[in-house]
């Protein structure tokens, strides 16, 4: 019964090069993005990337992969409920 309640998490990894390029896996959704902040969802919580000139170069929600370029000044995990509901995707929120 406990096993039924436990959610299987997708593998998640983060690779950063010189604080200017990030490659991530295990991303389930992009909540918001602008040149100073990118907010993502993963099975391990919400991920906030802060910096300057941030640009999402590649996004594959199906594969859970994301590439971000720019100057990264902060990277933090937090609870997903702070940002968005799971049932609402980025594109639905953009085109309301």
C-alpha atoms as a PDB file:
ATOM      1  CA  UNK A   1       0.000   0.000   0.000  1.00  0.00           C
ATOM      2  CA  UNK A   2       2.810   2.395   0.809  1.00  0.00           C
ATOM      3  CA  UNK A   3       4.377   1.605  -2.551  1.00  0.00           C
ATOM      4  CA  UNK A   4       1.130   2.622  -4.279  1.00  0.00           C
ATOM      5  CA  UNK A   5       1.310   6.020  -2.608  1.00  0.00           C
ATOM      6  CA  UNK A   6       4.929   6.618  -3.531  1.00  0.00           C
ATOM      7  CA  UNK A   7       5.317   8.415  -6.832  1.00  0.00           C
ATOM      8  CA  UNK A   8       8.011   7.199  -9.191  1.00  0.00           C
ATOM      9  CA  UNK A   9      10.311  10.102  -9.949  1.00  0.00           C
ATOM     10  CA  UNK A  10      11.856  10.677 -13.346  1.00  0.00           C
ATOM     11  CA  UNK A  11      15.652  10.848 -13.372  1.00  0.00           C
ATOM     12  CA  UNK A  12      16.828  14.432 -12.882  1.00  0.00           C
ATOM     13  CA  UNK A  13      20.238  15.915 -13.619  1.00  0.00           C
ATOM     14  CA  UNK A  14      21.798  19.358 -13.866  1.00  0.00           C
ATOM     15  CA  UNK A  15      24.991  20.193 -15.711  1.00  0.00           C
ATOM     16  CA  UNK A  16      26.326  23.752 -15.642  1.00  0.00           C
ATOM     17  CA  UNK A  17      29.310  25.071 -17.569  1.00  0.00           C
ATOM     18  CA  UNK A  18      31.032  28.249 -16.370  1.00  0.00           C
ATOM     19  CA  UNK A  19      27.777  29.649 -14.951  1.00  0.00           C
ATOM     20  CA  UNK A  20      26.730  30.424 -18.522  1.00  0.00           C
ATOM     21  CA  UNK A  21      25.094  27.244 -19.839  1.00  0.00           C
ATOM     22  CA  UNK A  22      22.811  24.765 -18.080  1.00  0.00           C
ATOM     23  CA  UNK A  23      21.578  21.440 -19.414  1.00  0.00           C
ATOM     24  CA  UNK A  24      18.847  19.787 -17.348  1.00  0.00           C
ATOM     25  CA  UNK A  25      16.849  16.566 -17.519  1.00  0.00           C
ATOM     26  CA  UNK A  26      13.759  15.513 -15.593  1.00  0.00           C
ATOM     27  CA  UNK A  27      11.895  18.756 -16.258  1.00  0.00           C
ATOM     28  CA  UNK A  28       8.117  18.278 -16.293  1.00  0.00           C
ATOM     29  CA  UNK A  29       6.991  21.832 -17.130  1.00  0.00           C
ATOM     30  CA  UNK A  30       8.153  25.411 -17.633  1.00  0.00           C
ATOM     31  CA  UNK A  31       6.128  27.684 -15.356  1.00  0.00           C
ATOM     32  CA  UNK A  32       7.569  31.010 -16.541  1.00  0.00           C
ATOM     33  CA  UNK A  33      10.626  32.511 -18.157  1.00  0.00           C
ATOM     34  CA  UNK A  34      12.093  35.932 -18.858  1.00  0.00           C
ATOM     35  CA  UNK A  35      15.667  37.250 -19.265  1.00  0.00           C
ATOM     36  CA  UNK A  36      16.155  37.422 -15.460  1.00  0.00           C
ATOM     37  CA  UNK A  37      14.341  34.323 -14.154  1.00  0.00           C
ATOM     38  CA  UNK A  38      13.287  30.864 -15.358  1.00  0.00           C
ATOM     39  CA  UNK A  39      10.879  28.818 -13.204  1.00  0.00           C
ATOM     40  CA  UNK A  40      10.609  25.091 -13.924  1.00  0.00           C
ATOM     41  CA  UNK A  41       8.845  22.074 -12.459  1.00  0.00           C
ATOM     42  CA  UNK A  42      10.413  18.691 -11.793  1.00  0.00           C
ATOM     43  CA  UNK A  43       9.418  15.682  -9.710  1.00  0.00           C
ATOM     44  CA  UNK A  44      11.882  16.990  -7.100  1.00  0.00           C
ATOM     45  CA  UNK A  45      10.206  20.402  -6.739  1.00  0.00           C
ATOM     46  CA  UNK A  46      10.122  23.736  -8.492  1.00  0.00           C
ATOM     47  CA  UNK A  47      13.456  25.012  -9.796  1.00  0.00           C
ATOM     48  CA  UNK A  48      14.201  28.719 -10.092  1.00  0.00           C
ATOM     49  CA  UNK A  49      17.143  29.917 -12.158  1.00  0.00           C
ATOM     50  CA  UNK A  50      18.040  33.591 -11.701  1.00  0.00           C
ATOM     51  CA  UNK A  51      20.532  35.611 -13.697  1.00  0.00           C
ATOM     52  CA  UNK A  52      20.837  37.957 -16.631  1.00  0.00           C
ATOM     53  CA  UNK A  53      20.330  37.487 -20.354  1.00  0.00           C
ATOM     54  CA  UNK A  54      18.777  34.049 -19.700  1.00  0.00           C
ATOM     55  CA  UNK A  55      17.515  32.318 -22.817  1.00  0.00           C
ATOM     56  CA  UNK A  56      15.786  28.949 -23.129  1.00  0.00           C
ATOM     57  CA  UNK A  57      17.505  27.432 -26.169  1.00  0.00           C
ATOM     58  CA  UNK A  58      15.967  23.977 -26.214  1.00  0.00           C
ATOM     59  CA  UNK A  59      12.923  22.615 -24.469  1.00  0.00           C
ATOM     60  CA  UNK A  60      11.491  19.140 -24.812  1.00  0.00           C
ATOM     61  CA  UNK A  61       8.804  18.568 -22.196  1.00  0.00           C
ATOM     62  CA  UNK A  62       8.157  15.091 -23.650  1.00  0.00           C
ATOM     63  CA  UNK A  63      11.776  14.102 -22.990  1.00  0.00           C
ATOM     64  CA  UNK A  64      12.107  16.385 -19.951  1.00  0.00           C
ATOM     65  CA  UNK A  65      15.170  18.168 -21.369  1.00  0.00           C
ATOM     66  CA  UNK A  66      16.027  21.860 -21.188  1.00  0.00           C
ATOM     67  CA  UNK A  67      19.018  24.016 -22.208  1.00  0.00           C
ATOM     68  CA  UNK A  68      19.454  27.534 -20.795  1.00  0.00           C
ATOM     69  CA  UNK A  69      22.145  30.060 -21.765  1.00  0.00           C
ATOM     70  CA  UNK A  70      23.000  33.336 -20.036  1.00  0.00           C
ATOM     71  CA  UNK A  71      24.672  34.402 -16.802  1.00  0.00           C
ATOM     72  CA  UNK A  72      23.415  32.275 -13.896  1.00  0.00           C
ATOM     73  CA  UNK A  73      23.567  33.990 -10.494  1.00  0.00           C
ATOM     74  CA  UNK A  74      21.287  31.656  -8.479  1.00  0.00           C
ATOM     75  CA  UNK A  75      19.752  28.205  -8.740  1.00  0.00           C
ATOM     76  CA  UNK A  76      17.240  26.948  -6.166  1.00  0.00           C
ATOM     77  CA  UNK A  77      14.694  24.207  -5.496  1.00  0.00           C
ATOM     78  CA  UNK A  78      11.398  24.836  -3.684  1.00  0.00           C
ATOM     79  CA  UNK A  79       7.917  23.342  -3.377  1.00  0.00           C
ATOM     80  CA  UNK A  80       5.954  23.181  -6.664  1.00  0.00           C
ATOM     81  CA  UNK A  81       2.712  24.470  -5.154  1.00  0.00           C
ATOM     82  CA  UNK A  82       4.246  27.931  -4.862  1.00  0.00           C
ATOM     83  CA  UNK A  83       4.155  28.525  -8.607  1.00  0.00           C
ATOM     84  CA  UNK A  84       1.536  26.672 -10.628  1.00  0.00           C
ATOM     85  CA  UNK A  85      -0.961  23.880 -10.644  1.00  0.00           C
ATOM     86  CA  UNK A  86       0.068  20.649 -12.322  1.00  0.00           C
ATOM     87  CA  UNK A  87      -2.993  20.635 -14.591  1.00  0.00           C
ATOM     88  CA  UNK A  88      -2.114  23.935 -16.264  1.00  0.00           C
ATOM     89  CA  UNK A  89       0.739  23.968 -18.792  1.00  0.00           C
ATOM     90  CA  UNK A  90       2.918  26.906 -19.775  1.00  0.00           C
ATOM     91  CA  UNK A  91       1.183  27.304 -23.109  1.00  0.00           C
ATOM     92  CA  UNK A  92      -2.263  27.350 -21.490  1.00  0.00           C
ATOM     93  CA  UNK A  93      -1.098  30.063 -19.085  1.00  0.00           C
ATOM     94  CA  UNK A  94       0.482  32.097 -21.909  1.00  0.00           C
ATOM     95  CA  UNK A  95      -2.610  32.118 -24.113  1.00  0.00           C
ATOM     96  CA  UNK A  96      -5.355  32.856 -21.568  1.00  0.00           C
END
